[in-house]
Amino acid sequence: METFRSNPSLGQETGENGAYQALMKTAMHQLKLTARACHRVLKLSRTIADLVESEAITHAHLAEALQYRPKLKLM
């Protein structure tokens, strides 16, 4: 999960031992997210956490941010 290590500010805000990391790792593999996409999801998660006045990003914040990702059209 290089995305967490490459951006120290996100690591501090999310708390490196956050319970959401397993969900993020699964999403990275299943949705084939790039590092840039992961960073965007984490930034959106931080915004959602701020809106509910939460100190840290939780599993629920990340799940909500992932819901806003555009759906792939598989043919």
PDB file of N, CA and C in Angstrom:
ATOM      1  N   MET A   1       0.837  -1.162   0.000  1.00  0.00           N
ATOM      2  CA  MET A   1       0.000   0.000   0.000  1.00  0.00           C
ATOM      3  C   MET A   1       0.889   1.235   0.000  1.00  0.00           C
ATOM      4  N   GLU A   2       1.594   1.376  -1.086  1.00  0.00           N
ATOM      5  CA  GLU A   2       2.548   2.453  -1.262  1.00  0.00           C
ATOM      6  C   GLU A   2       1.897   3.826  -1.162  1.00  0.00           C
ATOM      7  N   THR A   3       0.640   3.937  -1.517  1.00  0.00           N
ATOM      8  CA  THR A   3      -0.057   5.219  -1.490  1.00  0.00           C
ATOM      9  C   THR A   3      -0.032   5.821  -0.091  1.00  0.00           C
ATOM     10  N   PHE A   4      -0.177   4.987   0.941  1.00  0.00           N
ATOM     11  CA  PHE A   4      -0.195   5.496   2.308  1.00  0.00           C
ATOM     12  C   PHE A   4       1.183   5.993   2.712  1.00  0.00           C
ATOM     13  N   ARG A   5       2.225   5.305   2.261  1.00  0.00           N
ATOM     14  CA  ARG A   5       3.579   5.678   2.644  1.00  0.00           C
ATOM     15  C   ARG A   5       4.093   6.885   1.864  1.00  0.00           C
ATOM     16  N   SER A   6       3.626   7.052   0.632  1.00  0.00           N
ATOM     17  CA  SER A   6       4.139   8.139  -0.190  1.00  0.00           C
ATOM     18  C   SER A   6       3.549   9.487   0.188  1.00  0.00           C
ATOM     19  N   ASN A   7       2.473   9.507   0.946  1.00  0.00           N
ATOM     20  CA  ASN A   7       1.869  10.761   1.363  1.00  0.00           C
ATOM     21  C   ASN A   7       1.749  10.773   2.881  1.00  0.00           C
ATOM     22  N   PRO A   8       2.755  11.324   3.574  1.00  0.00           N
ATOM     23  CA  PRO A   8       2.747  11.295   5.029  1.00  0.00           C
ATOM     24  C   PRO A   8       1.539  11.975   5.660  1.00  0.00           C
ATOM     25  N   SER A   9       0.999  13.007   5.016  1.00  0.00           N
ATOM     26  CA  SER A   9      -0.145  13.702   5.620  1.00  0.00           C
ATOM     27  C   SER A   9      -1.370  12.801   5.671  1.00  0.00           C
ATOM     28  N   LEU A  10      -1.591  11.986   4.640  1.00  0.00           N
ATOM     29  CA  LEU A  10      -2.721  11.056   4.674  1.00  0.00           C
ATOM     30  C   LEU A  10      -2.502   9.988   5.728  1.00  0.00           C
ATOM     31  N   GLY A  11      -1.275   9.511   5.864  1.00  0.00           N
ATOM     32  CA  GLY A  11      -0.977   8.493   6.870  1.00  0.00           C
ATOM     33  C   GLY A  11      -1.259   8.993   8.272  1.00  0.00           C
ATOM     34  N   GLN A  12      -0.938  10.264   8.536  1.00  0.00           N
ATOM     35  CA  GLN A  12      -1.186  10.830   9.857  1.00  0.00           C
ATOM     36  C   GLN A  12      -2.667  11.040  10.097  1.00  0.00           C
ATOM     37  N   GLU A  13      -3.382  11.521   9.092  1.00  0.00           N
ATOM     38  CA  GLU A  13      -4.798  11.800   9.259  1.00  0.00           C
ATOM     39  C   GLU A  13      -5.620  10.526   9.414  1.00  0.00           C
ATOM     40  N   THR A  14      -5.204   9.482   8.719  1.00  0.00           N
ATOM     41  CA  THR A  14      -5.994   8.261   8.728  1.00  0.00           C
ATOM     42  C   THR A  14      -5.615   7.348   9.875  1.00  0.00           C
ATOM     43  N   GLY A  15      -4.454   7.555  10.449  1.00  0.00           N
ATOM     44  CA  GLY A  15      -3.997   6.653  11.479  1.00  0.00           C
ATOM     45  C   GLY A  15      -3.558   5.358  10.798  1.00  0.00           C
ATOM     46  N   GLU A  16      -2.273   5.143  10.687  1.00  0.00           N
ATOM     47  CA  GLU A  16      -1.730   4.044   9.894  1.00  0.00           C
ATOM     48  C   GLU A  16      -2.359   2.702  10.250  1.00  0.00           C
ATOM     49  N   ASN A  17      -2.881   2.542  11.464  1.00  0.00           N
ATOM     50  CA  ASN A  17      -3.454   1.261  11.862  1.00  0.00           C
ATOM     51  C   ASN A  17      -4.969   1.243  11.669  1.00  0.00           C
ATOM     52  N   GLY A  18      -5.492   2.077  10.777  1.00  0.00           N
ATOM     53  CA  GLY A  18      -6.933   2.158  10.549  1.00  0.00           C
ATOM     54  C   GLY A  18      -7.520   0.847  10.054  1.00  0.00           C
ATOM     55  N   ALA A  19      -8.736   0.581  10.453  1.00  0.00           N
ATOM     56  CA  ALA A  19      -9.406  -0.664  10.081  1.00  0.00           C
ATOM     57  C   ALA A  19      -9.807  -0.677   8.614  1.00  0.00           C
ATOM     58  N   TYR A  20      -9.768   0.460   7.960  1.00  0.00           N
ATOM     59  CA  TYR A  20     -10.194   0.562   6.580  1.00  0.00           C
ATOM     60  C   TYR A  20      -9.150   0.023   5.603  1.00  0.00           C
ATOM     61  N   GLN A  21      -7.933  -0.204   6.032  1.00  0.00           N
ATOM     62  CA  GLN A  21      -6.858  -0.564   5.110  1.00  0.00           C
ATOM     63  C   GLN A  21      -7.127  -1.870   4.362  1.00  0.00           C
ATOM     64  N   ALA A  22      -7.769  -2.833   4.996  1.00  0.00           N
ATOM     65  CA  ALA A  22      -8.092  -4.088   4.306  1.00  0.00           C
ATOM     66  C   ALA A  22      -9.083  -3.823   3.178  1.00  0.00           C
ATOM     67  N   LEU A  23     -10.065  -2.947   3.418  1.00  0.00           N
ATOM     68  CA  LEU A  23     -11.029  -2.593   2.380  1.00  0.00           C
ATOM     69  C   LEU A  23     -10.328  -1.886   1.228  1.00  0.00           C
ATOM     70  N   MET A  24      -9.413  -0.983   1.536  1.00  0.00           N
ATOM     71  CA  MET A  24      -8.699  -0.255   0.490  1.00  0.00           C
ATOM     72  C   MET A  24      -7.853  -1.203  -0.340  1.00  0.00           C
ATOM     73  N   LYS A  25      -7.183  -2.132   0.301  1.00  0.00           N
ATOM     74  CA  LYS A  25      -6.345  -3.090  -0.415  1.00  0.00           C
ATOM     75  C   LYS A  25      -7.196  -3.962  -1.337  1.00  0.00           C
ATOM     76  N   THR A  26      -8.345  -4.409  -0.851  1.00  0.00           N
ATOM     77  CA  THR A  26      -9.253  -5.209  -1.671  1.00  0.00           C
ATOM     78  C   THR A  26      -9.763  -4.394  -2.856  1.00  0.00           C
ATOM     79  N   ALA A  27     -10.140  -3.150  -2.608  1.00  0.00           N
ATOM     80  CA  ALA A  27     -10.639  -2.280  -3.677  1.00  0.00           C
ATOM     81  C   ALA A  27      -9.560  -2.035  -4.725  1.00  0.00           C
ATOM     82  N   MET A  28      -8.322  -1.868  -4.282  1.00  0.00           N
ATOM     83  CA  MET A  28      -7.225  -1.641  -5.214  1.00  0.00           C
ATOM     84  C   MET A  28      -7.103  -2.795  -6.202  1.00  0.00           C
ATOM     85  N   HIS A  29      -7.213  -4.007  -5.687  1.00  0.00           N
ATOM     86  CA  HIS A  29      -7.047  -5.181  -6.538  1.00  0.00           C
ATOM     87  C   HIS A  29      -8.283  -5.463  -7.390  1.00  0.00           C
ATOM     88  N   GLN A  30      -9.457  -5.411  -6.785  1.00  0.00           N
ATOM     89  CA  GLN A  30     -10.676  -5.752  -7.520  1.00  0.00           C
ATOM     90  C   GLN A  30     -11.063  -4.697  -8.539  1.00  0.00           C
ATOM     91  N   LEU A  31     -10.881  -3.430  -8.200  1.00  0.00           N
ATOM     92  CA  LEU A  31     -11.234  -2.349  -9.110  1.00  0.00           C
ATOM     93  C   LEU A  31     -10.064  -1.908  -9.976  1.00  0.00           C
ATOM     94  N   LYS A  32      -8.898  -2.531  -9.731  1.00  0.00           N
ATOM     95  CA  LYS A  32      -7.674  -2.200 -10.472  1.00  0.00           C
ATOM     96  C   LYS A  32      -7.388  -0.698 -10.423  1.00  0.00           C
ATOM     97  N   LEU A  33      -7.392  -0.177  -9.196  1.00  0.00           N
ATOM     98  CA  LEU A  33      -7.149   1.250  -8.997  1.00  0.00           C
ATOM     99  C   LEU A  33      -5.666   1.564  -9.121  1.00  0.00           C
ATOM    100  N   THR A  34      -5.360   2.656  -9.772  1.00  0.00           N
ATOM    101  CA  THR A  34      -3.985   3.140  -9.845  1.00  0.00           C
ATOM    102  C   THR A  34      -3.674   3.869  -8.539  1.00  0.00           C
ATOM    103  N   ALA A  35      -2.403   4.196  -8.362  1.00  0.00           N
ATOM    104  CA  ALA A  35      -2.010   4.951  -7.169  1.00  0.00           C
ATOM    105  C   ALA A  35      -2.727   6.297  -7.133  1.00  0.00           C
ATOM    106  N   ARG A  36      -2.871   6.913  -8.307  1.00  0.00           N
ATOM    107  CA  ARG A  36      -3.566   8.200  -8.381  1.00  0.00           C
ATOM    108  C   ARG A  36      -5.029   8.047  -7.966  1.00  0.00           C
ATOM    109  N   ALA A  37      -5.679   6.994  -8.442  1.00  0.00           N
ATOM    110  CA  ALA A  37      -7.083   6.754  -8.086  1.00  0.00           C
ATOM    111  C   ALA A  37      -7.229   6.474  -6.593  1.00  0.00           C
ATOM    112  N   CYS A  38      -6.294   5.715  -6.033  1.00  0.00           N
ATOM    113  CA  CYS A  38      -6.326   5.438  -4.591  1.00  0.00           C
ATOM    114  C   CYS A  38      -6.204   6.727  -3.795  1.00  0.00           C
ATOM    115  N   HIS A  39      -5.317   7.589  -4.237  1.00  0.00           N
ATOM    116  CA  HIS A  39      -5.125   8.863  -3.552  1.00  0.00           C
ATOM    117  C   HIS A  39      -6.390   9.708  -3.619  1.00  0.00           C
ATOM    118  N   ARG A  40      -7.049   9.711  -4.774  1.00  0.00           N
ATOM    119  CA  ARG A  40      -8.293  10.474  -4.924  1.00  0.00           C
ATOM    120  C   ARG A  40      -9.385   9.921  -4.020  1.00  0.00           C
ATOM    121  N   VAL A  41      -9.467   8.595  -3.910  1.00  0.00           N
ATOM    122  CA  VAL A  41     -10.458   7.973  -3.019  1.00  0.00           C
ATOM    123  C   VAL A  41     -10.162   8.351  -1.568  1.00  0.00           C
ATOM    124  N   LEU A  42      -8.884   8.340  -1.200  1.00  0.00           N
ATOM    125  CA  LEU A  42      -8.517   8.703   0.170  1.00  0.00           C
ATOM    126  C   LEU A  42      -8.816  10.173   0.464  1.00  0.00           C
ATOM    127  N   LYS A  43      -8.582  11.035  -0.524  1.00  0.00           N
ATOM    128  CA  LYS A  43      -8.901  12.456  -0.324  1.00  0.00           C
ATOM    129  C   LYS A  43     -10.405  12.651  -0.148  1.00  0.00           C
ATOM    130  N   LEU A  44     -11.190  11.938  -0.938  1.00  0.00           N
ATOM    131  CA  LEU A  44     -12.641  12.022  -0.799  1.00  0.00           C
ATOM    132  C   LEU A  44     -13.082  11.466   0.548  1.00  0.00           C
ATOM    133  N   SER A  45     -12.456  10.380   0.991  1.00  0.00           N
ATOM    134  CA  SER A  45     -12.754   9.809   2.309  1.00  0.00           C
ATOM    135  C   SER A  45     -12.477  10.817   3.404  1.00  0.00           C
ATOM    136  N   ARG A  46     -11.367  11.562   3.269  1.00  0.00           N
ATOM    137  CA  ARG A  46     -11.015  12.590   4.249  1.00  0.00           C
ATOM    138  C   ARG A  46     -12.070  13.688   4.273  1.00  0.00           C
ATOM    139  N   THR A  47     -12.558  14.073   3.096  1.00  0.00           N
ATOM    140  CA  THR A  47     -13.597  15.096   3.006  1.00  0.00           C
ATOM    141  C   THR A  47     -14.875  14.622   3.682  1.00  0.00           C
ATOM    142  N   ILE A  48     -15.249  13.377   3.439  1.00  0.00           N
ATOM    143  CA  ILE A  48     -16.449  12.813   4.060  1.00  0.00           C
ATOM    144  C   ILE A  48     -16.281  12.780   5.570  1.00  0.00           C
ATOM    145  N   ALA A  49     -15.112  12.381   6.033  1.00  0.00           N
ATOM    146  CA  ALA A  49     -14.845  12.361   7.479  1.00  0.00           C
ATOM    147  C   ALA A  49     -14.932  13.769   8.064  1.00  0.00           C
ATOM    148  N   ASP A  50     -14.430  14.758   7.332  1.00  0.00           N
ATOM    149  CA  ASP A  50     -14.504  16.146   7.804  1.00  0.00           C
ATOM    150  C   ASP A  50     -15.951  16.624   7.909  1.00  0.00           C
ATOM    151  N   LEU A  51     -16.775  16.216   6.954  1.00  0.00           N
ATOM    152  CA  LEU A  51     -18.183  16.639   6.971  1.00  0.00           C
ATOM    153  C   LEU A  51     -18.936  16.117   8.189  1.00  0.00           C
ATOM    154  N   VAL A  52     -18.527  14.946   8.676  1.00  0.00           N
ATOM    155  CA  VAL A  52     -19.180  14.397   9.873  1.00  0.00           C
ATOM    156  C   VAL A  52     -18.353  14.664  11.127  1.00  0.00           C
ATOM    157  N   GLU A  53     -17.344  15.553  10.967  1.00  0.00           N
ATOM    158  CA  GLU A  53     -16.484  15.989  12.072  1.00  0.00           C
ATOM    159  C   GLU A  53     -15.786  14.827  12.769  1.00  0.00           C
ATOM    160  N   SER A  54     -15.251  13.930  11.965  1.00  0.00           N
ATOM    161  CA  SER A  54     -14.502  12.783  12.480  1.00  0.00           C
ATOM    162  C   SER A  54     -13.014  13.080  12.413  1.00  0.00           C
ATOM    163  N   GLU A  55     -12.277  12.672  13.425  1.00  0.00           N
ATOM    164  CA  GLU A  55     -10.832  12.898  13.463  1.00  0.00           C
ATOM    165  C   GLU A  55     -10.094  12.017  12.461  1.00  0.00           C
ATOM    166  N   ALA A  56     -10.598  10.802  12.244  1.00  0.00           N
ATOM    167  CA  ALA A  56      -9.904   9.842  11.379  1.00  0.00           C
ATOM    168  C   ALA A  56     -10.862   9.276  10.342  1.00  0.00           C
ATOM    169  N   ILE A  57     -10.290   8.791   9.265  1.00  0.00           N
ATOM    170  CA  ILE A  57     -11.082   8.124   8.238  1.00  0.00           C
ATOM    171  C   ILE A  57     -11.440   6.734   8.746  1.00  0.00           C
ATOM    172  N   THR A  58     -12.707   6.385   8.616  1.00  0.00           N
ATOM    173  CA  THR A  58     -13.147   5.064   9.057  1.00  0.00           C
ATOM    174  C   THR A  58     -13.516   4.211   7.852  1.00  0.00           C
ATOM    175  N   HIS A  59     -13.816   2.966   8.134  1.00  0.00           N
ATOM    176  CA  HIS A  59     -14.249   2.010   7.117  1.00  0.00           C
ATOM    177  C   HIS A  59     -15.464   2.559   6.367  1.00  0.00           C
ATOM    178  N   ALA A  60     -16.401   3.151   7.077  1.00  0.00           N
ATOM    179  CA  ALA A  60     -17.628   3.689   6.464  1.00  0.00           C
ATOM    180  C   ALA A  60     -17.320   4.856   5.525  1.00  0.00           C
ATOM    181  N   HIS A  61     -16.380   5.716   5.900  1.00  0.00           N
ATOM    182  CA  HIS A  61     -16.012   6.846   5.047  1.00  0.00           C
ATOM    183  C   HIS A  61     -15.398   6.351   3.739  1.00  0.00           C
ATOM    184  N   LEU A  62     -14.530   5.361   3.843  1.00  0.00           N
ATOM    185  CA  LEU A  62     -13.901   4.812   2.652  1.00  0.00           C
ATOM    186  C   LEU A  62     -14.919   4.108   1.764  1.00  0.00           C
ATOM    187  N   ALA A  63     -15.820   3.352   2.365  1.00  0.00           N
ATOM    188  CA  ALA A  63     -16.850   2.650   1.591  1.00  0.00           C
ATOM    189  C   ALA A  63     -17.729   3.648   0.842  1.00  0.00           C
ATOM    190  N   GLU A  64     -18.074   4.746   1.481  1.00  0.00           N
ATOM    191  CA  GLU A  64     -18.887   5.756   0.817  1.00  0.00           C
ATOM    192  C   GLU A  64     -18.121   6.394  -0.346  1.00  0.00           C
ATOM    193  N   ALA A  65     -16.851   6.692  -0.139  1.00  0.00           N
ATOM    194  CA  ALA A  65     -16.037   7.286  -1.204  1.00  0.00           C
ATOM    195  C   ALA A  65     -15.920   6.333  -2.390  1.00  0.00           C
ATOM    196  N   LEU A  66     -15.780   5.051  -2.126  1.00  0.00           N
ATOM    197  CA  LEU A  66     -15.678   4.071  -3.214  1.00  0.00           C
ATOM    198  C   LEU A  66     -16.979   3.977  -4.010  1.00  0.00           C
ATOM    199  N   GLN A  67     -18.098   4.252  -3.373  1.00  0.00           N
ATOM    200  CA  GLN A  67     -19.384   4.215  -4.082  1.00  0.00           C
ATOM    201  C   GLN A  67     -19.480   5.299  -5.145  1.00  0.00           C
ATOM    202  N   TYR A  68     -18.733   6.374  -4.975  1.00  0.00           N
ATOM    203  CA  TYR A  68     -18.793   7.474  -5.929  1.00  0.00           C
ATOM    204  C   TYR A  68     -17.893   7.247  -7.142  1.00  0.00           C
ATOM    205  N   ARG A  69     -17.116   6.179  -7.150  1.00  0.00           N
ATOM    206  CA  ARG A  69     -16.270   5.863  -8.295  1.00  0.00           C
ATOM    207  C   ARG A  69     -17.155   5.535  -9.494  1.00  0.00           C
ATOM    208  N   PRO A  70     -16.783   5.979 -10.673  1.00  0.00           N
ATOM    209  CA  PRO A  70     -17.582   5.647 -11.857  1.00  0.00           C
ATOM    210  C   PRO A  70     -17.579   4.137 -12.116  1.00  0.00           C
ATOM    211  N   LYS A  71     -18.689   3.642 -12.537  1.00  0.00           N
ATOM    212  CA  LYS A  71     -18.822   2.215 -12.835  1.00  0.00           C
ATOM    213  C   LYS A  71     -18.238   1.938 -14.220  1.00  0.00           C
ATOM    214  N   LEU A  72     -17.562   0.809 -14.351  1.00  0.00           N
ATOM    215  CA  LEU A  72     -17.028   0.402 -15.641  1.00  0.00           C
ATOM    216  C   LEU A  72     -18.133  -0.239 -16.472  1.00  0.00           C
ATOM    217  N   LYS A  73     -18.145   0.063 -17.733  1.00  0.00           N
ATOM    218  CA  LYS A  73     -19.128  -0.549 -18.631  1.00  0.00           C
ATOM    219  C   LYS A  73     -18.480  -1.755 -19.278  1.00  0.00           C
ATOM    220  N   LEU A  74     -18.812  -2.918 -18.769  1.00  0.00           N
ATOM    221  CA  LEU A  74     -18.259  -4.150 -19.311  1.00  0.00           C
ATOM    222  C   LEU A  74     -19.164  -4.695 -20.389  1.00  0.00           C
ATOM    223  N   MET A  75     -18.609  -4.938 -21.547  1.00  0.00           N
ATOM    224  CA  MET A  75     -19.406  -5.452 -22.660  1.00  0.00           C
ATOM    225  C   MET A  75     -19.059  -6.868 -22.958  1.00  0.00           C
TER     226      MET A  75
END
